[in-house]
């Protein structure tokens, strides 16, 4: 019984609490510097076009960017204020941005 209890505790820890909180190690790893995956345009985006998940890709780049991977939700549905070329990094200077809370509902694990 003690062994079953110990194993069940591991299962519940592995399952998590369904939050998207990142550990300090994950935050450090997520810093988008050289050779980290950055948010880029999967295809050309015209000025005035709203960004959707179909416009976005993550690619390794030699350039640093201040926008982190976890900020993807903040970019979705924003309007491009310049033409963005395929594989060009996307950041808040290229979109019409007003501070808002990210909608992460599409990324939640709803399977139980």
PDB file of N, CA and C in Angstrom:
ATOM      1  N   UNK A   1       0.828  -1.199   0.000  1.00  0.00           N
ATOM      2  CA  UNK A   1       0.000   0.000   0.000  1.00  0.00           C
ATOM      3  C   UNK A   1       0.870   1.260   0.000  1.00  0.00           C
ATOM      4  N   UNK A   2       1.969   1.218   0.778  1.00  0.00           N
ATOM      5  CA  UNK A   2       2.857   2.380   0.798  1.00  0.00           C
ATOM      6  C   UNK A   2       3.434   2.635  -0.586  1.00  0.00           C
ATOM      7  N   UNK A   3       3.785   1.566  -1.284  1.00  0.00           N
ATOM      8  CA  UNK A   3       4.342   1.708  -2.624  1.00  0.00           C
ATOM      9  C   UNK A   3       3.300   2.286  -3.591  1.00  0.00           C
ATOM     10  N   UNK A   4       2.068   1.833  -3.496  1.00  0.00           N
ATOM     11  CA  UNK A   4       0.988   2.346  -4.336  1.00  0.00           C
ATOM     12  C   UNK A   4       0.770   3.837  -4.053  1.00  0.00           C
ATOM     13  N   UNK A   5       0.769   4.195  -2.782  1.00  0.00           N
ATOM     14  CA  UNK A   5       0.585   5.594  -2.395  1.00  0.00           C
ATOM     15  C   UNK A   5       1.720   6.453  -2.962  1.00  0.00           C
ATOM     16  N   UNK A   6       2.952   5.958  -2.878  1.00  0.00           N
ATOM     17  CA  UNK A   6       4.117   6.693  -3.392  1.00  0.00           C
ATOM     18  C   UNK A   6       4.005   6.879  -4.907  1.00  0.00           C
ATOM     19  N   UNK A   7       3.614   5.817  -5.600  1.00  0.00           N
ATOM     20  CA  UNK A   7       3.478   5.894  -7.056  1.00  0.00           C
ATOM     21  C   UNK A   7       2.331   6.823  -7.469  1.00  0.00           C
ATOM     22  N   UNK A   8       1.224   6.772  -6.736  1.00  0.00           N
ATOM     23  CA  UNK A   8       0.107   7.659  -7.036  1.00  0.00           C
ATOM     24  C   UNK A   8       0.489   9.123  -6.829  1.00  0.00           C
ATOM     25  N   UNK A   9       1.267   9.415  -5.821  1.00  0.00           N
ATOM     26  CA  UNK A   9       1.731  10.779  -5.570  1.00  0.00           C
ATOM     27  C   UNK A   9       2.532  11.276  -6.775  1.00  0.00           C
ATOM     28  N   UNK A  10       3.378  10.387  -7.339  1.00  0.00           N
ATOM     29  CA  UNK A  10       4.161  10.753  -8.533  1.00  0.00           C
ATOM     30  C   UNK A  10       3.258  11.017  -9.727  1.00  0.00           C
ATOM     31  N   UNK A  11       2.220  10.199  -9.871  1.00  0.00           N
ATOM     32  CA  UNK A  11       1.272  10.393 -10.972  1.00  0.00           C
ATOM     33  C   UNK A  11       0.597  11.762 -10.855  1.00  0.00           C
ATOM     34  N   UNK A  12       0.105  12.111  -9.667  1.00  0.00           N
ATOM     35  CA  UNK A  12      -0.565  13.383  -9.482  1.00  0.00           C
ATOM     36  C   UNK A  12       0.383  14.560  -9.690  1.00  0.00           C
ATOM     37  N   UNK A  13       1.639  14.429  -9.276  1.00  0.00           N
ATOM     38  CA  UNK A  13       2.621  15.487  -9.513  1.00  0.00           C
ATOM     39  C   UNK A  13       2.899  15.642 -11.001  1.00  0.00           C
ATOM     40  N   UNK A  14       2.994  14.538 -11.715  1.00  0.00           N
ATOM     41  CA  UNK A  14       3.250  14.579 -13.147  1.00  0.00           C
ATOM     42  C   UNK A  14       2.072  15.183 -13.906  1.00  0.00           C
ATOM     43  N   UNK A  15       0.860  14.914 -13.454  1.00  0.00           N
ATOM     44  CA  UNK A  15      -0.338  15.433 -14.106  1.00  0.00           C
ATOM     45  C   UNK A  15      -0.403  16.953 -13.991  1.00  0.00           C
ATOM     46  N   UNK A  16       0.044  17.496 -12.898  1.00  0.00           N
ATOM     47  CA  UNK A  16       0.065  18.944 -12.712  1.00  0.00           C
ATOM     48  C   UNK A  16      -1.278  19.502 -12.286  1.00  0.00           C
ATOM     49  N   UNK A  17      -1.339  20.837 -12.194  1.00  0.00           N
ATOM     50  CA  UNK A  17      -2.563  21.505 -11.747  1.00  0.00           C
ATOM     51  C   UNK A  17      -3.249  22.269 -12.880  1.00  0.00           C
ATOM     52  N   UNK A  18      -2.881  21.973 -14.129  1.00  0.00           N
ATOM     53  CA  UNK A  18      -3.459  22.567 -15.331  1.00  0.00           C
ATOM     54  C   UNK A  18      -3.114  24.038 -15.497  1.00  0.00           C
ATOM     55  N   UNK A  19      -2.202  24.585 -14.703  1.00  0.00           N
ATOM     56  CA  UNK A  19      -1.794  25.978 -14.887  1.00  0.00           C
ATOM     57  C   UNK A  19      -0.670  26.020 -15.920  1.00  0.00           C
ATOM     58  N   UNK A  20      -0.457  27.202 -16.472  1.00  0.00           N
ATOM     59  CA  UNK A  20       0.631  27.378 -17.442  1.00  0.00           C
ATOM     60  C   UNK A  20       1.818  28.110 -16.822  1.00  0.00           C
ATOM     61  N   UNK A  21       1.944  28.023 -15.505  1.00  0.00           N
ATOM     62  CA  UNK A  21       3.056  28.671 -14.825  1.00  0.00           C
ATOM     63  C   UNK A  21       4.352  27.970 -15.201  1.00  0.00           C
ATOM     64  N   UNK A  22       5.380  28.760 -15.434  1.00  0.00           N
ATOM     65  CA  UNK A  22       6.670  28.205 -15.826  1.00  0.00           C
ATOM     66  C   UNK A  22       7.630  28.256 -14.644  1.00  0.00           C
ATOM     67  N   UNK A  23       8.469  27.254 -14.552  1.00  0.00           N
ATOM     68  CA  UNK A  23       9.500  27.255 -13.519  1.00  0.00           C
ATOM     69  C   UNK A  23      10.566  28.274 -13.906  1.00  0.00           C
ATOM     70  N   UNK A  24      11.443  28.606 -12.974  1.00  0.00           N
ATOM     71  CA  UNK A  24      12.532  29.545 -13.273  1.00  0.00           C
ATOM     72  C   UNK A  24      13.423  29.004 -14.393  1.00  0.00           C
ATOM     73  N   UNK A  25      13.679  27.688 -14.388  1.00  0.00           N
ATOM     74  CA  UNK A  25      14.504  27.078 -15.439  1.00  0.00           C
ATOM     75  C   UNK A  25      13.825  27.218 -16.800  1.00  0.00           C
ATOM     76  N   UNK A  26      12.500  27.034 -16.862  1.00  0.00           N
ATOM     77  CA  UNK A  26      11.772  27.182 -18.122  1.00  0.00           C
ATOM     78  C   UNK A  26      11.793  28.629 -18.594  1.00  0.00           C
ATOM     79  N   UNK A  27      11.653  29.572 -17.661  1.00  0.00           N
ATOM     80  CA  UNK A  27      11.709  30.990 -18.033  1.00  0.00           C
ATOM     81  C   UNK A  27      13.080  31.351 -18.593  1.00  0.00           C
ATOM     82  N   UNK A  28      14.128  30.858 -17.950  1.00  0.00           N
ATOM     83  CA  UNK A  28      15.485  31.138 -18.423  1.00  0.00           C
ATOM     84  C   UNK A  28      15.701  30.525 -19.804  1.00  0.00           C
ATOM     85  N   UNK A  29      15.238  29.308 -19.991  1.00  0.00           N
ATOM     86  CA  UNK A  29      15.372  28.640 -21.282  1.00  0.00           C
ATOM     87  C   UNK A  29      14.555  29.355 -22.355  1.00  0.00           C
ATOM     88  N   UNK A  30      13.447  29.943 -21.952  1.00  0.00           N
ATOM     89  CA  UNK A  30      12.564  30.611 -22.899  1.00  0.00           C
ATOM     90  C   UNK A  30      13.057  31.948 -23.390  1.00  0.00           C
ATOM     91  N   UNK A  31      14.111  32.509 -22.774  1.00  0.00           N
ATOM     92  CA  UNK A  31      14.658  33.763 -23.274  1.00  0.00           C
ATOM     93  C   UNK A  31      15.081  33.571 -24.713  1.00  0.00           C
ATOM     94  N   UNK A  32      14.611  34.432 -25.585  1.00  0.00           N
ATOM     95  CA  UNK A  32      14.795  34.236 -27.014  1.00  0.00           C
ATOM     96  C   UNK A  32      16.043  34.965 -27.490  1.00  0.00           C
ATOM     97  N   UNK A  33      17.178  34.359 -27.298  1.00  0.00           N
ATOM     98  CA  UNK A  33      18.441  34.902 -27.767  1.00  0.00           C
ATOM     99  C   UNK A  33      18.892  34.159 -28.995  1.00  0.00           C
ATOM    100  N   UNK A  34      20.143  34.351 -29.400  1.00  0.00           N
ATOM    101  CA  UNK A  34      20.638  33.635 -30.573  1.00  0.00           C
ATOM    102  C   UNK A  34      20.439  32.128 -30.430  1.00  0.00           C
ATOM    103  N   UNK A  35      19.951  31.522 -31.488  1.00  0.00           N
ATOM    104  CA  UNK A  35      19.705  30.085 -31.612  1.00  0.00           C
ATOM    105  C   UNK A  35      18.560  29.587 -30.737  1.00  0.00           C
ATOM    106  N   UNK A  36      17.771  30.496 -30.203  1.00  0.00           N
ATOM    107  CA  UNK A  36      16.528  30.108 -29.545  1.00  0.00           C
ATOM    108  C   UNK A  36      15.416  30.273 -30.567  1.00  0.00           C
ATOM    109  N   UNK A  37      14.330  29.564 -30.402  1.00  0.00           N
ATOM    110  CA  UNK A  37      13.227  29.681 -31.360  1.00  0.00           C
ATOM    111  C   UNK A  37      12.500  31.005 -31.140  1.00  0.00           C
ATOM    112  N   UNK A  38      12.388  31.763 -32.217  1.00  0.00           N
ATOM    113  CA  UNK A  38      11.713  33.056 -32.179  1.00  0.00           C
ATOM    114  C   UNK A  38      10.401  32.965 -32.952  1.00  0.00           C
ATOM    115  N   UNK A  39       9.509  33.890 -32.665  1.00  0.00           N
ATOM    116  CA  UNK A  39       8.242  33.970 -33.391  1.00  0.00           C
ATOM    117  C   UNK A  39       8.514  34.660 -34.720  1.00  0.00           C
ATOM    118  N   UNK A  40       8.204  33.969 -35.811  1.00  0.00           N
ATOM    119  CA  UNK A  40       8.420  34.513 -37.151  1.00  0.00           C
ATOM    120  C   UNK A  40       7.156  34.329 -37.983  1.00  0.00           C
ATOM    121  N   UNK A  41       7.134  35.002 -39.134  1.00  0.00           N
ATOM    122  CA  UNK A  41       6.005  34.871 -40.057  1.00  0.00           C
ATOM    123  C   UNK A  41       6.165  33.591 -40.859  1.00  0.00           C
ATOM    124  N   UNK A  42       5.150  32.750 -40.828  1.00  0.00           N
ATOM    125  CA  UNK A  42       5.139  31.516 -41.608  1.00  0.00           C
ATOM    126  C   UNK A  42       4.984  31.833 -43.095  1.00  0.00           C
ATOM    127  N   UNK A  43       4.293  32.952 -43.390  1.00  0.00           N
ATOM    128  CA  UNK A  43       4.053  33.389 -44.761  1.00  0.00           C
ATOM    129  C   UNK A  43       3.981  34.912 -44.734  1.00  0.00           C
ATOM    130  N   UNK A  44       4.067  35.579 -45.884  1.00  0.00           N
ATOM    131  CA  UNK A  44       3.986  37.048 -45.884  1.00  0.00           C
ATOM    132  C   UNK A  44       2.672  37.536 -45.268  1.00  0.00           C
ATOM    133  N   UNK A  45       2.772  38.603 -44.498  1.00  0.00           N
ATOM    134  CA  UNK A  45       1.608  39.209 -43.850  1.00  0.00           C
ATOM    135  C   UNK A  45       1.533  40.650 -44.336  1.00  0.00           C
ATOM    136  N   UNK A  46       0.395  41.026 -44.875  1.00  0.00           N
ATOM    137  CA  UNK A  46       0.189  42.374 -45.401  1.00  0.00           C
ATOM    138  C   UNK A  46      -0.182  43.332 -44.278  1.00  0.00           C
ATOM    139  N   UNK A  47       0.215  44.595 -44.444  1.00  0.00           N
ATOM    140  CA  UNK A  47      -0.170  45.643 -43.509  1.00  0.00           C
ATOM    141  C   UNK A  47      -1.693  45.663 -43.415  1.00  0.00           C
ATOM    142  N   UNK A  48      -2.245  45.716 -42.202  1.00  0.00           N
ATOM    143  CA  UNK A  48      -3.688  45.745 -41.986  1.00  0.00           C
ATOM    144  C   UNK A  48      -4.302  44.370 -41.776  1.00  0.00           C
ATOM    145  N   UNK A  49      -3.526  43.319 -41.973  1.00  0.00           N
ATOM    146  CA  UNK A  49      -4.027  41.957 -41.807  1.00  0.00           C
ATOM    147  C   UNK A  49      -3.905  41.543 -40.337  1.00  0.00           C
ATOM    148  N   UNK A  50      -4.919  40.851 -39.828  1.00  0.00           N
ATOM    149  CA  UNK A  50      -4.898  40.368 -38.444  1.00  0.00           C
ATOM    150  C   UNK A  50      -4.075  39.088 -38.366  1.00  0.00           C
ATOM    151  N   UNK A  51      -3.227  38.973 -37.343  1.00  0.00           N
ATOM    152  CA  UNK A  51      -2.392  37.789 -37.164  1.00  0.00           C
ATOM    153  C   UNK A  51      -3.215  36.639 -36.603  1.00  0.00           C
ATOM    154  N   UNK A  52      -3.062  35.481 -37.210  1.00  0.00           N
ATOM    155  CA  UNK A  52      -3.700  34.258 -36.720  1.00  0.00           C
ATOM    156  C   UNK A  52      -2.605  33.224 -36.504  1.00  0.00           C
ATOM    157  N   UNK A  53      -2.971  32.122 -35.903  1.00  0.00           N
ATOM    158  CA  UNK A  53      -1.998  31.058 -35.639  1.00  0.00           C
ATOM    159  C   UNK A  53      -1.409  30.537 -36.952  1.00  0.00           C
ATOM    160  N   UNK A  54      -2.168  30.635 -38.056  1.00  0.00           N
ATOM    161  CA  UNK A  54      -1.677  30.181 -39.355  1.00  0.00           C
ATOM    162  C   UNK A  54      -0.551  31.066 -39.888  1.00  0.00           C
ATOM    163  N   UNK A  55      -0.439  32.292 -39.377  1.00  0.00           N
ATOM    164  CA  UNK A  55       0.626  33.208 -39.797  1.00  0.00           C
ATOM    165  C   UNK A  55       1.933  32.977 -39.037  1.00  0.00           C
ATOM    166  N   UNK A  56       1.883  32.237 -37.947  1.00  0.00           N
ATOM    167  CA  UNK A  56       2.992  32.163 -36.992  1.00  0.00           C
ATOM    168  C   UNK A  56       3.756  30.851 -37.110  1.00  0.00           C
ATOM    169  N   UNK A  57       5.078  30.970 -36.969  1.00  0.00           N
ATOM    170  CA  UNK A  57       5.952  29.800 -36.865  1.00  0.00           C
ATOM    171  C   UNK A  57       7.016  30.120 -35.826  1.00  0.00           C
ATOM    172  N   UNK A  58       7.646  29.087 -35.309  1.00  0.00           N
ATOM    173  CA  UNK A  58       8.777  29.255 -34.395  1.00  0.00           C
ATOM    174  C   UNK A  58      10.009  28.717 -35.114  1.00  0.00           C
ATOM    175  N   UNK A  59      11.039  29.550 -35.233  1.00  0.00           N
ATOM    176  CA  UNK A  59      12.255  29.118 -35.918  1.00  0.00           C
ATOM    177  C   UNK A  59      13.475  29.597 -35.151  1.00  0.00           C
ATOM    178  N   UNK A  60      14.529  28.810 -35.256  1.00  0.00           N
ATOM    179  CA  UNK A  60      15.803  29.217 -34.669  1.00  0.00           C
ATOM    180  C   UNK A  60      16.383  30.351 -35.508  1.00  0.00           C
ATOM    181  N   UNK A  61      16.982  31.320 -34.828  1.00  0.00           N
ATOM    182  CA  UNK A  61      17.529  32.475 -35.521  1.00  0.00           C
ATOM    183  C   UNK A  61      18.827  32.901 -34.861  1.00  0.00           C
ATOM    184  N   UNK A  62      19.686  33.538 -35.608  1.00  0.00           N
ATOM    185  CA  UNK A  62      20.934  34.065 -35.051  1.00  0.00           C
ATOM    186  C   UNK A  62      20.713  35.408 -34.363  1.00  0.00           C
ATOM    187  N   UNK A  63      19.555  36.015 -34.598  1.00  0.00           N
ATOM    188  CA  UNK A  63      19.244  37.319 -34.020  1.00  0.00           C
ATOM    189  C   UNK A  63      18.515  37.164 -32.689  1.00  0.00           C
ATOM    190  N   UNK A  64      18.741  38.106 -31.803  1.00  0.00           N
ATOM    191  CA  UNK A  64      18.018  38.124 -30.532  1.00  0.00           C
ATOM    192  C   UNK A  64      16.735  38.914 -30.709  1.00  0.00           C
ATOM    193  N   UNK A  65      15.743  38.602 -29.907  1.00  0.00           N
ATOM    194  CA  UNK A  65      14.493  39.351 -29.891  1.00  0.00           C
ATOM    195  C   UNK A  65      14.016  39.447 -28.456  1.00  0.00           C
ATOM    196  N   UNK A  66      13.338  40.527 -28.134  1.00  0.00           N
ATOM    197  CA  UNK A  66      12.870  40.689 -26.756  1.00  0.00           C
ATOM    198  C   UNK A  66      11.559  39.967 -26.505  1.00  0.00           C
ATOM    199  N   UNK A  67      10.854  39.585 -27.551  1.00  0.00           N
ATOM    200  CA  UNK A  67       9.575  38.911 -27.362  1.00  0.00           C
ATOM    201  C   UNK A  67       9.820  37.427 -27.103  1.00  0.00           C
ATOM    202  N   UNK A  68       9.135  36.903 -26.124  1.00  0.00           N
ATOM    203  CA  UNK A  68       9.329  35.506 -25.732  1.00  0.00           C
ATOM    204  C   UNK A  68       8.261  34.612 -26.360  1.00  0.00           C
ATOM    205  N   UNK A  69       8.575  33.343 -26.447  1.00  0.00           N
ATOM    206  CA  UNK A  69       7.654  32.372 -27.023  1.00  0.00           C
ATOM    207  C   UNK A  69       6.315  32.374 -26.292  1.00  0.00           C
ATOM    208  N   UNK A  70       6.351  32.541 -24.996  1.00  0.00           N
ATOM    209  CA  UNK A  70       5.125  32.481 -24.201  1.00  0.00           C
ATOM    210  C   UNK A  70       4.221  33.699 -24.429  1.00  0.00           C
ATOM    211  N   UNK A  71       4.684  34.699 -25.198  1.00  0.00           N
ATOM    212  CA  UNK A  71       3.876  35.876 -25.489  1.00  0.00           C
ATOM    213  C   UNK A  71       3.075  35.717 -26.785  1.00  0.00           C
ATOM    214  N   UNK A  72       3.097  34.533 -27.362  1.00  0.00           N
ATOM    215  CA  UNK A  72       2.359  34.274 -28.602  1.00  0.00           C
ATOM    216  C   UNK A  72       0.896  34.690 -28.473  1.00  0.00           C
ATOM    217  N   UNK A  73       0.258  34.353 -27.375  1.00  0.00           N
ATOM    218  CA  UNK A  73      -1.145  34.695 -27.175  1.00  0.00           C
ATOM    219  C   UNK A  73      -1.416  36.183 -27.252  1.00  0.00           C
ATOM    220  N   UNK A  74      -0.434  37.016 -26.896  1.00  0.00           N
ATOM    221  CA  UNK A  74      -0.599  38.460 -26.955  1.00  0.00           C
ATOM    222  C   UNK A  74      -0.572  38.978 -28.388  1.00  0.00           C
ATOM    223  N   UNK A  75       0.020  38.218 -29.317  1.00  0.00           N
ATOM    224  CA  UNK A  75       0.121  38.653 -30.705  1.00  0.00           C
ATOM    225  C   UNK A  75      -1.102  38.279 -31.535  1.00  0.00           C
ATOM    226  N   UNK A  76      -1.750  37.190 -31.180  1.00  0.00           N
ATOM    227  CA  UNK A  76      -2.866  36.709 -31.985  1.00  0.00           C
ATOM    228  C   UNK A  76      -3.987  37.733 -32.064  1.00  0.00           C
ATOM    229  N   UNK A  77      -4.547  37.890 -33.249  1.00  0.00           N
ATOM    230  CA  UNK A  77      -5.638  38.812 -33.567  1.00  0.00           C
ATOM    231  C   UNK A  77      -5.233  40.270 -33.614  1.00  0.00           C
ATOM    232  N   UNK A  78      -3.939  40.579 -33.450  1.00  0.00           N
ATOM    233  CA  UNK A  78      -3.491  41.953 -33.616  1.00  0.00           C
ATOM    234  C   UNK A  78      -3.299  42.239 -35.102  1.00  0.00           C
ATOM    235  N   UNK A  79      -3.351  43.505 -35.482  1.00  0.00           N
ATOM    236  CA  UNK A  79      -3.244  43.916 -36.868  1.00  0.00           C
ATOM    237  C   UNK A  79      -1.820  44.355 -37.177  1.00  0.00           C
ATOM    238  N   UNK A  80      -1.278  43.850 -38.282  1.00  0.00           N
ATOM    239  CA  UNK A  80       0.070  44.237 -38.703  1.00  0.00           C
ATOM    240  C   UNK A  80       0.063  45.706 -39.123  1.00  0.00           C
ATOM    241  N   UNK A  81       1.038  46.492 -38.638  1.00  0.00           N
ATOM    242  CA  UNK A  81       1.117  47.893 -39.044  1.00  0.00           C
ATOM    243  C   UNK A  81       2.168  48.108 -40.133  1.00  0.00           C
ATOM    244  N   UNK A  82       2.825  47.022 -40.556  1.00  0.00           N
ATOM    245  CA  UNK A  82       3.776  47.031 -41.668  1.00  0.00           C
ATOM    246  C   UNK A  82       3.647  45.689 -42.392  1.00  0.00           C
ATOM    247  N   UNK A  83       4.138  45.640 -43.622  1.00  0.00           N
ATOM    248  CA  UNK A  83       4.227  44.358 -44.305  1.00  0.00           C
ATOM    249  C   UNK A  83       5.311  43.527 -43.621  1.00  0.00           C
ATOM    250  N   UNK A  84       5.037  42.266 -43.355  1.00  0.00           N
ATOM    251  CA  UNK A  84       5.991  41.372 -42.703  1.00  0.00           C
ATOM    252  C   UNK A  84       6.300  40.241 -43.680  1.00  0.00           C
ATOM    253  N   UNK A  85       7.568  40.044 -43.960  1.00  0.00           N
ATOM    254  CA  UNK A  85       7.997  39.027 -44.915  1.00  0.00           C
ATOM    255  C   UNK A  85       8.054  37.654 -44.264  1.00  0.00           C
ATOM    256  N   UNK A  86       7.990  36.618 -45.086  1.00  0.00           N
ATOM    257  CA  UNK A  86       8.124  35.242 -44.600  1.00  0.00           C
ATOM    258  C   UNK A  86       9.453  35.108 -43.846  1.00  0.00           C
ATOM    259  N   UNK A  87       9.437  34.426 -42.716  1.00  0.00           N
ATOM    260  CA  UNK A  87      10.588  34.169 -41.841  1.00  0.00           C
ATOM    261  C   UNK A  87      11.105  35.402 -41.098  1.00  0.00           C
ATOM    262  N   UNK A  88      10.437  36.530 -41.236  1.00  0.00           N
ATOM    263  CA  UNK A  88      10.821  37.737 -40.503  1.00  0.00           C
ATOM    264  C   UNK A  88      10.293  37.633 -39.074  1.00  0.00           C
ATOM    265  N   UNK A  89      11.109  38.036 -38.094  1.00  0.00           N
ATOM    266  CA  UNK A  89      10.670  37.998 -36.701  1.00  0.00           C
ATOM    267  C   UNK A  89       9.505  38.956 -36.507  1.00  0.00           C
ATOM    268  N   UNK A  90       8.575  38.529 -35.676  1.00  0.00           N
ATOM    269  CA  UNK A  90       7.418  39.366 -35.358  1.00  0.00           C
ATOM    270  C   UNK A  90       7.555  39.832 -33.914  1.00  0.00           C
ATOM    271  N   UNK A  91       7.432  41.139 -33.720  1.00  0.00           N
ATOM    272  CA  UNK A  91       7.424  41.688 -32.365  1.00  0.00           C
ATOM    273  C   UNK A  91       6.369  42.787 -32.306  1.00  0.00           C
ATOM    274  N   UNK A  92       6.234  43.400 -31.161  1.00  0.00           N
ATOM    275  CA  UNK A  92       5.163  44.370 -30.949  1.00  0.00           C
ATOM    276  C   UNK A  92       5.345  45.643 -31.759  1.00  0.00           C
ATOM    277  N   UNK A  93       6.539  45.912 -32.288  1.00  0.00           N
ATOM    278  CA  UNK A  93       6.740  47.108 -33.114  1.00  0.00           C
ATOM    279  C   UNK A  93       6.109  46.940 -34.491  1.00  0.00           C
ATOM    280  N   UNK A  94       5.755  45.723 -34.870  1.00  0.00           N
ATOM    281  CA  UNK A  94       5.208  45.445 -36.205  1.00  0.00           C
ATOM    282  C   UNK A  94       3.697  45.246 -36.194  1.00  0.00           C
ATOM    283  N   UNK A  95       3.082  45.429 -35.036  1.00  0.00           N
ATOM    284  CA  UNK A  95       1.635  45.263 -34.920  1.00  0.00           C
ATOM    285  C   UNK A  95       1.053  46.416 -34.116  1.00  0.00           C
ATOM    286  N   UNK A  96      -0.244  46.652 -34.322  1.00  0.00           N
ATOM    287  CA  UNK A  96      -0.947  47.639 -33.501  1.00  0.00           C
ATOM    288  C   UNK A  96      -1.254  46.956 -32.184  1.00  0.00           C
ATOM    289  N   UNK A  97      -0.611  47.421 -31.120  1.00  0.00           N
ATOM    290  CA  UNK A  97      -0.689  46.710 -29.844  1.00  0.00           C
ATOM    291  C   UNK A  97      -1.189  47.636 -28.745  1.00  0.00           C
ATOM    292  N   UNK A  98      -2.154  47.151 -27.994  1.00  0.00           N
ATOM    293  CA  UNK A  98      -2.589  47.788 -26.760  1.00  0.00           C
ATOM    294  C   UNK A  98      -2.539  46.686 -25.712  1.00  0.00           C
ATOM    295  N   UNK A  99      -2.025  46.984 -24.555  1.00  0.00           N
ATOM    296  CA  UNK A  99      -1.857  45.964 -23.530  1.00  0.00           C
ATOM    297  C   UNK A  99      -3.175  45.242 -23.267  1.00  0.00           C
ATOM    298  N   UNK A 100      -3.119  43.916 -23.211  1.00  0.00           N
ATOM    299  CA  UNK A 100      -4.282  43.095 -22.907  1.00  0.00           C
ATOM    300  C   UNK A 100      -3.808  41.802 -22.275  1.00  0.00           C
ATOM    301  N   UNK A 101      -4.687  41.169 -21.597  1.00  0.00           N
ATOM    302  CA  UNK A 101      -4.392  39.870 -21.023  1.00  0.00           C
ATOM    303  C   UNK A 101      -4.522  38.826 -22.127  1.00  0.00           C
ATOM    304  N   UNK A 102      -3.560  37.936 -22.231  1.00  0.00           N
ATOM    305  CA  UNK A 102      -3.557  36.914 -23.285  1.00  0.00           C
ATOM    306  C   UNK A 102      -4.697  35.927 -23.101  1.00  0.00           C
ATOM    307  N   UNK A 103      -5.283  35.520 -24.224  1.00  0.00           N
ATOM    308  CA  UNK A 103      -6.316  34.484 -24.205  1.00  0.00           C
ATOM    309  C   UNK A 103      -5.626  33.145 -24.422  1.00  0.00           C
ATOM    310  N   UNK A 104      -5.486  32.353 -23.373  1.00  0.00           N
ATOM    311  CA  UNK A 104      -4.785  31.071 -23.479  1.00  0.00           C
ATOM    312  C   UNK A 104      -5.754  29.898 -23.479  1.00  0.00           C
ATOM    313  N   UNK A 105      -7.020  30.183 -23.647  1.00  0.00           N
ATOM    314  CA  UNK A 105      -8.018  29.113 -23.563  1.00  0.00           C
ATOM    315  C   UNK A 105      -7.763  28.024 -24.612  1.00  0.00           C
ATOM    316  N   UNK A 106      -7.224  28.386 -25.767  1.00  0.00           N
ATOM    317  CA  UNK A 106      -6.971  27.404 -26.808  1.00  0.00           C
ATOM    318  C   UNK A 106      -5.835  26.453 -26.437  1.00  0.00           C
ATOM    319  N   UNK A 107      -5.027  26.827 -25.471  1.00  0.00           N
ATOM    320  CA  UNK A 107      -3.865  26.036 -25.102  1.00  0.00           C
ATOM    321  C   UNK A 107      -4.064  25.214 -23.835  1.00  0.00           C
ATOM    322  N   UNK A 108      -5.220  25.324 -23.185  1.00  0.00           N
ATOM    323  CA  UNK A 108      -5.453  24.589 -21.941  1.00  0.00           C
ATOM    324  C   UNK A 108      -5.716  23.132 -22.212  1.00  0.00           C
ATOM    325  N   UNK A 109      -5.214  22.298 -21.356  1.00  0.00           N
ATOM    326  CA  UNK A 109      -5.449  20.860 -21.439  1.00  0.00           C
ATOM    327  C   UNK A 109      -6.813  20.580 -20.829  1.00  0.00           C
ATOM    328  N   UNK A 110      -7.776  20.241 -21.684  1.00  0.00           N
ATOM    329  CA  UNK A 110      -9.127  19.990 -21.186  1.00  0.00           C
ATOM    330  C   UNK A 110      -9.412  18.505 -21.067  1.00  0.00           C
ATOM    331  N   UNK A 111      -8.461  17.654 -21.482  1.00  0.00           N
ATOM    332  CA  UNK A 111      -8.659  16.198 -21.395  1.00  0.00           C
ATOM    333  C   UNK A 111      -8.539  15.771 -19.943  1.00  0.00           C
ATOM    334  N   UNK A 112      -9.435  14.940 -19.514  1.00  0.00           N
ATOM    335  CA  UNK A 112      -9.370  14.443 -18.133  1.00  0.00           C
ATOM    336  C   UNK A 112      -9.616  12.985 -18.127  1.00  0.00           C
TER     337      UNK A 112
END
